[in-house]
Amino acid sequence: MPIRINLDLMMVRRGISLTELSERVGITMANLSILKNNRARAVRFSTLEALCRELHCQPGELLEFAPGAAATDGQEI
């Protein structure tokens, strides 16, 4: 899928761990890991909102259109 989720980049920029972000947004570490590793095929707006709120960013900072990116079988988070 040509849409990438730059969660790992935003976490580094904000100096937050996967564990801490999981606790703050109320999303399991397993589901955050799916997002972080670009294995998700869909993201709920409520999830995107929670991530943006805690990472103090805009949705466009988390999502990137990357033409030619390989398709993956992912999960809806």
Protein backbone atom coordinates (compact mmCIF):
# COMPACT_ATOMS: atom_id res chain seq x y z
CA MET A 1 0.00 0.00 0.00
CA PRO A 2 1.45 3.37 -0.90
CA ILE A 3 0.45 4.97 2.42
CA ARG A 4 3.10 4.81 5.15
CA ILE A 5 2.67 5.58 8.83
CA ASN A 6 5.66 7.43 10.23
CA LEU A 7 4.92 6.59 13.86
CA ASP A 8 8.48 5.50 14.59
CA LEU A 9 9.86 8.82 13.31
CA MET A 10 7.40 10.87 15.37
CA MET A 11 8.16 8.82 18.48
CA VAL A 12 11.89 9.49 18.09
CA ARG A 13 11.27 13.21 17.53
CA ARG A 14 9.12 13.40 20.66
CA GLY A 15 11.37 11.14 22.75
CA ILE A 16 8.59 8.73 23.67
CA SER A 17 8.74 4.95 23.90
CA LEU A 18 6.19 2.49 22.55
CA THR A 19 5.27 1.53 26.11
CA GLU A 20 4.69 5.13 27.20
CA LEU A 21 2.67 5.97 24.08
CA SER A 22 0.57 2.83 24.56
CA GLU A 23 -0.28 3.87 28.12
CA ARG A 24 -1.09 7.45 27.11
CA VAL A 25 -3.39 6.64 24.19
CA GLY A 26 -4.94 3.44 25.52
CA ILE A 27 -3.88 1.32 22.54
CA THR A 28 -2.16 -2.01 23.04
CA MET A 29 1.54 -2.26 22.33
CA ALA A 30 0.77 -4.97 19.78
CA ASN A 31 -1.51 -2.64 17.81
CA LEU A 32 0.96 0.25 18.03
CA SER A 33 3.66 -2.10 16.79
CA ILE A 34 1.51 -2.95 13.76
CA LEU A 35 1.24 0.77 13.00
CA LYS A 36 4.90 1.43 13.69
CA ASN A 37 5.99 -1.35 11.32
CA ASN A 38 3.59 -0.27 8.55
CA ARG A 39 1.58 -3.49 8.65
CA ALA A 40 -1.80 -1.79 9.20
CA ARG A 41 -4.20 -1.61 6.28
CA ALA A 42 -6.52 0.92 7.96
CA VAL A 43 -6.44 3.38 10.83
CA ARG A 44 -9.51 4.60 12.68
CA PHE A 45 -9.88 8.35 12.99
CA SER A 46 -10.18 7.94 16.77
CA THR A 47 -6.77 6.20 16.79
CA LEU A 48 -5.25 8.88 14.58
CA GLU A 49 -6.73 11.59 16.81
CA ALA A 50 -5.31 10.00 19.98
CA LEU A 51 -1.86 9.64 18.42
CA CYS A 52 -1.84 13.24 17.18
CA ARG A 53 -3.00 14.50 20.59
CA GLU A 54 -0.23 12.69 22.48
CA LEU A 55 2.51 13.30 19.91
CA HIS A 56 1.49 16.95 19.41
CA CYS A 57 1.41 16.60 15.64
CA GLN A 58 -0.89 16.82 12.64
CA PRO A 59 -2.19 13.74 10.77
CA GLY A 60 -0.04 14.68 7.78
CA GLU A 61 3.06 14.31 9.92
CA LEU A 62 2.13 10.69 10.64
CA LEU A 63 0.87 9.69 7.20
CA GLU A 64 2.90 9.72 3.99
CA PHE A 65 1.96 8.83 0.42
CA ALA A 66 4.79 6.73 -1.04
CA PRO A 67 4.01 5.63 -4.61
CA GLY A 68 5.50 2.28 -5.48
CA ALA A 69 5.53 1.05 -1.86
CA ALA A 70 4.95 -2.69 -1.54
CA ALA A 71 1.50 -3.89 -0.61
CA THR A 72 1.16 -5.64 2.73
CA ASP A 73 -1.53 -7.74 4.31
CA GLY A 74 -2.30 -5.69 7.38
CA GLN A 75 -4.81 -5.18 10.11
CA GLU A 76 -7.30 -2.44 10.85
CA ILE A 77 -6.34 -0.52 13.98
